[in-house]
Amino acid sequence: MNDEAISDHSLLQRFRRGQDGGATLLFLRYAKRVRALASAQVSPGLASRLAPDDIVQSVFCSFFRRVAQGQYDVPRGEEIWKLLLVIALHKICDAGNYHRAARRDFRQTQGGEAYERAIQSIRGQDEAAMAVLRMVIDEVLDGLPASHRPIIELRIEGHEVAEISGRLRRSKRTVERVLQEFRRKLDSQIREAH
């Protein structure tokens, strides 16, 4: 049977029974329409914070969760489009209210050239701070035994204590002790800099 000939009611029944394809076919059948609706209904100001695909994802997530809970059904011969339309419009309205509330109000944010200059200034400050931090870390590392350096470098890269311990064949306690010593010396060095 052609996928387009299968009714929405039958696809919902498939989904409820856990059969493959029901949810996918419903999504494929209506996602473009929901996306087009979201694109048309989201204001230009809100569009900078909310993509149509966010609305699509939220609509189908809510829809399938409620179908699974038995809250939604579609009579034979009917489509779910009207239901998806209402869900989408509510999602867009709720998102608009959320992003217009107090400090999140997108209408109050300044865009354009002034915004870009401010962002560049902050990036410059962040880069300068990171350069100073790297310099302080290097100073602290230079004052520690050479065997400590790989432990600290792996931790800075985001590795967990157990992983470092396994990689370097050192006990967890040794790794923790080295990291504590490093933190103490780094903290002391940073305090002296201020």
C-alpha atoms as a PDB file:
ATOM      1  CA  MET A   1       0.000   0.000   0.000  1.00  0.00           C
ATOM      2  CA  ASN A   2       1.231   3.502  -0.867  1.00  0.00           C
ATOM      3  CA  ASP A   3       2.267   5.522   2.219  1.00  0.00           C
ATOM      4  CA  GLU A   4       0.069   8.418   1.117  1.00  0.00           C
ATOM      5  CA  ALA A   5      -3.002   6.147   0.996  1.00  0.00           C
ATOM      6  CA  ILE A   6      -2.619   5.161   4.666  1.00  0.00           C
ATOM      7  CA  SER A   7      -4.946   7.236   6.838  1.00  0.00           C
ATOM      8  CA  ASP A   8      -3.742   9.358   9.738  1.00  0.00           C
ATOM      9  CA  HIS A   9      -5.930   7.204  11.986  1.00  0.00           C
ATOM     10  CA  SER A  10      -4.073   4.044  10.861  1.00  0.00           C
ATOM     11  CA  LEU A  11      -0.686   5.700  11.364  1.00  0.00           C
ATOM     12  CA  LEU A  12      -1.653   6.732  14.894  1.00  0.00           C
ATOM     13  CA  GLN A  13      -2.733   3.175  15.607  1.00  0.00           C
ATOM     14  CA  ARG A  14       0.644   1.911  14.360  1.00  0.00           C
ATOM     15  CA  PHE A  15       2.436   4.391  16.602  1.00  0.00           C
ATOM     16  CA  ARG A  16       0.394   3.345  19.654  1.00  0.00           C
ATOM     17  CA  ARG A  17       1.146  -0.323  18.998  1.00  0.00           C
ATOM     18  CA  GLY A  18       4.853   0.452  18.686  1.00  0.00           C
ATOM     19  CA  GLN A  19       5.019  -0.557  15.042  1.00  0.00           C
ATOM     20  CA  ASP A  20       7.734   0.941  12.902  1.00  0.00           C
ATOM     21  CA  GLY A  21       6.964   3.817  10.633  1.00  0.00           C
ATOM     22  CA  GLY A  22       3.778   5.289  12.069  1.00  0.00           C
ATOM     23  CA  ALA A  23       5.411   8.281  13.722  1.00  0.00           C
ATOM     24  CA  THR A  24       7.888   8.757  10.883  1.00  0.00           C
ATOM     25  CA  LEU A  25       5.212   8.802   8.210  1.00  0.00           C
ATOM     26  CA  LEU A  26       3.095  11.268  10.181  1.00  0.00           C
ATOM     27  CA  PHE A  27       6.098  13.505  10.697  1.00  0.00           C
ATOM     28  CA  LEU A  28       7.036  13.385   7.012  1.00  0.00           C
ATOM     29  CA  ARG A  29       3.430  14.032   6.023  1.00  0.00           C
ATOM     30  CA  TYR A  30       3.041  17.210   8.118  1.00  0.00           C
ATOM     31  CA  ALA A  31       6.464  18.620   9.067  1.00  0.00           C
ATOM     32  CA  LYS A  32       6.750  20.847   5.980  1.00  0.00           C
ATOM     33  CA  ARG A  33       3.322  22.336   6.617  1.00  0.00           C
ATOM     34  CA  VAL A  34       4.130  23.013  10.281  1.00  0.00           C
ATOM     35  CA  ARG A  35       7.479  24.560   9.278  1.00  0.00           C
ATOM     36  CA  ALA A  36       5.770  26.792   6.677  1.00  0.00           C
ATOM     37  CA  LEU A  37       3.202  27.879   9.252  1.00  0.00           C
ATOM     38  CA  ALA A  38       5.941  28.676  11.773  1.00  0.00           C
ATOM     39  CA  SER A  39       7.922  30.638   9.175  1.00  0.00           C
ATOM     40  CA  ALA A  40       4.854  32.677   8.313  1.00  0.00           C
ATOM     41  CA  GLN A  41       3.693  33.289  11.893  1.00  0.00           C
ATOM     42  CA  VAL A  42       6.969  34.022  13.717  1.00  0.00           C
ATOM     43  CA  SER A  43       7.707  37.756  13.722  1.00  0.00           C
ATOM     44  CA  PRO A  44      11.073  38.911  12.329  1.00  0.00           C
ATOM     45  CA  GLY A  45      12.255  39.970  15.800  1.00  0.00           C
ATOM     46  CA  LEU A  46      11.338  36.625  17.320  1.00  0.00           C
ATOM     47  CA  ALA A  47      12.850  34.758  14.353  1.00  0.00           C
ATOM     48  CA  SER A  48      16.332  35.764  15.577  1.00  0.00           C
ATOM     49  CA  ARG A  49      15.712  33.639  18.683  1.00  0.00           C
ATOM     50  CA  LEU A  50      13.350  30.971  17.426  1.00  0.00           C
ATOM     51  CA  ALA A  51      13.851  28.917  14.285  1.00  0.00           C
ATOM     52  CA  PRO A  52      10.864  27.320  12.518  1.00  0.00           C
ATOM     53  CA  ASP A  53      12.509  23.932  13.057  1.00  0.00           C
ATOM     54  CA  ASP A  54      12.372  24.556  16.828  1.00  0.00           C
ATOM     55  CA  ILE A  55       8.609  24.920  16.542  1.00  0.00           C
ATOM     56  CA  VAL A  56       8.352  21.789  14.364  1.00  0.00           C
ATOM     57  CA  GLN A  57      10.321  19.746  16.880  1.00  0.00           C
ATOM     58  CA  SER A  58       8.328  21.053  19.828  1.00  0.00           C
ATOM     59  CA  VAL A  59       4.972  20.462  18.099  1.00  0.00           C
ATOM     60  CA  PHE A  60       5.719  16.850  17.197  1.00  0.00           C
ATOM     61  CA  CYS A  61       7.294  16.121  20.580  1.00  0.00           C
ATOM     62  CA  SER A  62       4.147  17.317  22.358  1.00  0.00           C
ATOM     63  CA  PHE A  63       1.870  15.614  19.863  1.00  0.00           C
ATOM     64  CA  PHE A  64       3.508  12.179  20.084  1.00  0.00           C
ATOM     65  CA  ARG A  65       3.810  12.354  23.868  1.00  0.00           C
ATOM     66  CA  ARG A  66       0.084  13.065  24.188  1.00  0.00           C
ATOM     67  CA  VAL A  67      -0.842  10.426  21.622  1.00  0.00           C
ATOM     68  CA  ALA A  68       1.129   7.896  23.669  1.00  0.00           C
ATOM     69  CA  GLN A  69      -0.787   9.010  26.771  1.00  0.00           C
ATOM     70  CA  GLY A  70      -4.084   8.489  24.927  1.00  0.00           C
ATOM     71  CA  GLN A  71      -5.010  12.190  24.908  1.00  0.00           C
ATOM     72  CA  TYR A  72      -5.234  12.599  21.118  1.00  0.00           C
ATOM     73  CA  ASP A  73      -7.013  10.539  18.515  1.00  0.00           C
ATOM     74  CA  VAL A  74      -8.154  11.099  14.950  1.00  0.00           C
ATOM     75  CA  PRO A  75     -11.460   9.718  13.710  1.00  0.00           C
ATOM     76  CA  ARG A  76     -11.392   7.608  10.575  1.00  0.00           C
ATOM     77  CA  GLY A  77     -11.321   9.739   7.453  1.00  0.00           C
ATOM     78  CA  GLU A  78     -10.081  12.827   9.307  1.00  0.00           C
ATOM     79  CA  GLU A  79      -6.640  14.441   9.240  1.00  0.00           C
ATOM     80  CA  ILE A  80      -4.533  15.544  12.165  1.00  0.00           C
ATOM     81  CA  TRP A  81      -3.590  18.799  10.423  1.00  0.00           C
ATOM     82  CA  LYS A  82      -6.123  20.891  12.363  1.00  0.00           C
ATOM     83  CA  LEU A  83      -4.775  19.549  15.645  1.00  0.00           C
ATOM     84  CA  LEU A  84      -1.148  20.178  14.611  1.00  0.00           C
ATOM     85  CA  LEU A  85      -2.129  23.675  13.448  1.00  0.00           C
ATOM     86  CA  VAL A  86      -3.601  24.522  16.866  1.00  0.00           C
ATOM     87  CA  ILE A  87      -0.605  23.052  18.714  1.00  0.00           C
ATOM     88  CA  ALA A  88       1.807  25.017  16.498  1.00  0.00           C
ATOM     89  CA  LEU A  89      -0.055  28.306  16.965  1.00  0.00           C
ATOM     90  CA  HIS A  90      -0.026  27.821  20.741  1.00  0.00           C
ATOM     91  CA  LYS A  91       3.710  27.026  20.675  1.00  0.00           C
ATOM     92  CA  ILE A  92       4.427  30.167  18.628  1.00  0.00           C
ATOM     93  CA  CYS A  93       2.296  32.300  20.940  1.00  0.00           C
ATOM     94  CA  ASP A  94       3.935  30.841  24.060  1.00  0.00           C
ATOM     95  CA  ALA A  95       7.425  31.347  22.601  1.00  0.00           C
ATOM     96  CA  GLY A  96       6.561  34.951  21.734  1.00  0.00           C
ATOM     97  CA  ASN A  97       5.320  35.607  25.267  1.00  0.00           C
ATOM     98  CA  TYR A  98       8.436  33.990  26.736  1.00  0.00           C
ATOM     99  CA  HIS A  99      10.838  36.027  24.602  1.00  0.00           C
ATOM    100  CA  ARG A 100       8.959  39.289  25.194  1.00  0.00           C
ATOM    101  CA  ALA A 101       9.033  38.909  28.978  1.00  0.00           C
ATOM    102  CA  ALA A 102      11.077  41.438  30.944  1.00  0.00           C
ATOM    103  CA  ARG A 103      14.825  41.004  30.456  1.00  0.00           C
ATOM    104  CA  ARG A 104      14.451  38.481  27.624  1.00  0.00           C
ATOM    105  CA  ASP A 105      12.482  40.969  25.510  1.00  0.00           C
ATOM    106  CA  PHE A 106      14.025  40.746  22.061  1.00  0.00           C
ATOM    107  CA  ARG A 107      12.510  44.152  21.228  1.00  0.00           C
ATOM    108  CA  GLN A 108      14.781  45.725  23.870  1.00  0.00           C
ATOM    109  CA  THR A 109      18.019  44.249  22.577  1.00  0.00           C
ATOM    110  CA  GLN A 110      20.155  46.457  20.430  1.00  0.00           C
ATOM    111  CA  GLY A 111      21.289  45.025  17.146  1.00  0.00           C
ATOM    112  CA  GLY A 112      23.398  46.230  14.303  1.00  0.00           C
ATOM    113  CA  GLU A 113      26.774  47.901  14.426  1.00  0.00           C
ATOM    114  CA  ALA A 114      26.748  48.842  18.115  1.00  0.00           C
ATOM    115  CA  TYR A 115      25.994  45.256  19.054  1.00  0.00           C
ATOM    116  CA  GLU A 116      28.823  43.916  16.887  1.00  0.00           C
ATOM    117  CA  ARG A 117      31.299  46.438  18.380  1.00  0.00           C
ATOM    118  CA  ALA A 118      30.289  45.382  21.896  1.00  0.00           C
ATOM    119  CA  ILE A 119      30.710  41.693  21.043  1.00  0.00           C
ATOM    120  CA  GLN A 120      34.166  42.325  19.543  1.00  0.00           C
ATOM    121  CA  SER A 121      35.177  44.275  22.640  1.00  0.00           C
ATOM    122  CA  ILE A 122      34.079  41.439  24.936  1.00  0.00           C
ATOM    123  CA  ARG A 123      35.884  38.888  22.766  1.00  0.00           C
ATOM    124  CA  GLY A 124      39.053  40.993  22.984  1.00  0.00           C
ATOM    125  CA  GLN A 125      38.773  41.136  26.778  1.00  0.00           C
ATOM    126  CA  ASP A 126      38.150  37.389  26.955  1.00  0.00           C
ATOM    127  CA  GLU A 127      41.154  36.649  24.758  1.00  0.00           C
ATOM    128  CA  ALA A 128      43.376  38.882  26.904  1.00  0.00           C
ATOM    129  CA  ALA A 129      42.136  37.177  30.076  1.00  0.00           C
ATOM    130  CA  MET A 130      42.743  33.747  28.561  1.00  0.00           C
ATOM    131  CA  ALA A 131      46.287  34.749  27.571  1.00  0.00           C
ATOM    132  CA  VAL A 132      47.009  35.857  31.147  1.00  0.00           C
ATOM    133  CA  LEU A 133      45.493  32.648  32.530  1.00  0.00           C
ATOM    134  CA  ARG A 134      47.612  30.519  30.166  1.00  0.00           C
ATOM    135  CA  MET A 135      50.702  32.409  31.306  1.00  0.00           C
ATOM    136  CA  VAL A 136      49.875  31.855  34.991  1.00  0.00           C
ATOM    137  CA  ILE A 137      49.166  28.150  34.389  1.00  0.00           C
ATOM    138  CA  ASP A 138      52.504  27.771  32.574  1.00  0.00           C
ATOM    139  CA  GLU A 139      54.304  29.455  35.492  1.00  0.00           C
ATOM    140  CA  VAL A 140      52.673  27.101  37.984  1.00  0.00           C
ATOM    141  CA  LEU A 141      53.445  24.064  35.799  1.00  0.00           C
ATOM    142  CA  ASP A 142      57.095  25.113  35.538  1.00  0.00           C
ATOM    143  CA  GLY A 143      57.334  25.051  39.351  1.00  0.00           C
ATOM    144  CA  LEU A 144      56.000  21.473  39.607  1.00  0.00           C
ATOM    145  CA  PRO A 145      57.812  18.182  38.975  1.00  0.00           C
ATOM    146  CA  ALA A 146      57.815  17.135  35.298  1.00  0.00           C
ATOM    147  CA  SER A 147      55.816  13.992  36.146  1.00  0.00           C
ATOM    148  CA  HIS A 148      52.872  16.191  37.214  1.00  0.00           C
ATOM    149  CA  ARG A 149      52.552  17.994  33.890  1.00  0.00           C
ATOM    150  CA  PRO A 150      50.765  15.197  31.917  1.00  0.00           C
ATOM    151  CA  ILE A 151      48.227  14.780  34.735  1.00  0.00           C
ATOM    152  CA  ILE A 152      47.376  18.460  34.760  1.00  0.00           C
ATOM    153  CA  GLU A 153      47.317  18.782  30.968  1.00  0.00           C
ATOM    154  CA  LEU A 154      44.911  15.851  30.642  1.00  0.00           C
ATOM    155  CA  ARG A 155      42.639  17.379  33.292  1.00  0.00           C
ATOM    156  CA  ILE A 156      42.661  20.755  31.532  1.00  0.00           C
ATOM    157  CA  GLU A 157      41.634  18.924  28.349  1.00  0.00           C
ATOM    158  CA  GLY A 158      38.584  17.658  30.249  1.00  0.00           C
ATOM    159  CA  HIS A 159      39.550  14.089  31.140  1.00  0.00           C
ATOM    160  CA  GLU A 160      38.153  12.601  34.349  1.00  0.00           C
ATOM    161  CA  VAL A 161      40.403  11.503  37.233  1.00  0.00           C
ATOM    162  CA  ALA A 162      39.743   7.791  36.628  1.00  0.00           C
ATOM    163  CA  GLU A 163      40.626   8.146  32.944  1.00  0.00           C
ATOM    164  CA  ILE A 164      43.846  10.026  33.733  1.00  0.00           C
ATOM    165  CA  SER A 165      44.741   7.383  36.294  1.00  0.00           C
ATOM    166  CA  GLY A 166      44.278   4.605  33.745  1.00  0.00           C
ATOM    167  CA  ARG A 167      46.086   6.378  30.924  1.00  0.00           C
ATOM    168  CA  LEU A 168      49.133   7.302  32.970  1.00  0.00           C
ATOM    169  CA  ARG A 169      49.130   4.181  35.144  1.00  0.00           C
ATOM    170  CA  ARG A 170      49.011   6.235  38.326  1.00  0.00           C
ATOM    171  CA  SER A 171      46.701   5.664  41.280  1.00  0.00           C
ATOM    172  CA  LYS A 172      43.551   7.792  41.522  1.00  0.00           C
ATOM    173  CA  ARG A 173      44.793   9.098  44.843  1.00  0.00           C
ATOM    174  CA  THR A 174      48.060  10.268  43.255  1.00  0.00           C
ATOM    175  CA  VAL A 175      46.185  11.993  40.429  1.00  0.00           C
ATOM    176  CA  GLU A 176      43.852  13.702  42.913  1.00  0.00           C
ATOM    177  CA  ARG A 177      46.788  14.790  45.093  1.00  0.00           C
ATOM    178  CA  VAL A 178      48.653  16.269  42.102  1.00  0.00           C
ATOM    179  CA  LEU A 179      45.527  18.111  40.943  1.00  0.00           C
ATOM    180  CA  GLN A 180      44.880  19.483  44.435  1.00  0.00           C
ATOM    181  CA  GLU A 181      48.444  20.744  44.683  1.00  0.00           C
ATOM    182  CA  PHE A 182      48.148  22.351  41.261  1.00  0.00           C
ATOM    183  CA  ARG A 183      44.835  24.044  42.182  1.00  0.00           C
ATOM    184  CA  ARG A 184      46.309  25.361  45.425  1.00  0.00           C
ATOM    185  CA  LYS A 185      49.363  26.829  43.676  1.00  0.00           C
ATOM    186  CA  LEU A 186      47.263  28.238  40.826  1.00  0.00           C
ATOM    187  CA  ASP A 187      44.863  29.856  43.299  1.00  0.00           C
ATOM    188  CA  SER A 188      47.796  31.367  45.190  1.00  0.00           C
ATOM    189  CA  GLN A 189      49.348  32.681  41.956  1.00  0.00           C
ATOM    190  CA  ILE A 190      46.058  34.242  40.828  1.00  0.00           C
ATOM    191  CA  ARG A 191      45.536  35.904  44.211  1.00  0.00           C
ATOM    192  CA  GLU A 192      49.025  37.422  44.018  1.00  0.00           C
ATOM    193  CA  ALA A 193      48.267  38.796  40.561  1.00  0.00           C
ATOM    194  CA  HIS A 194      45.292  40.724  41.958  1.00  0.00           C
END
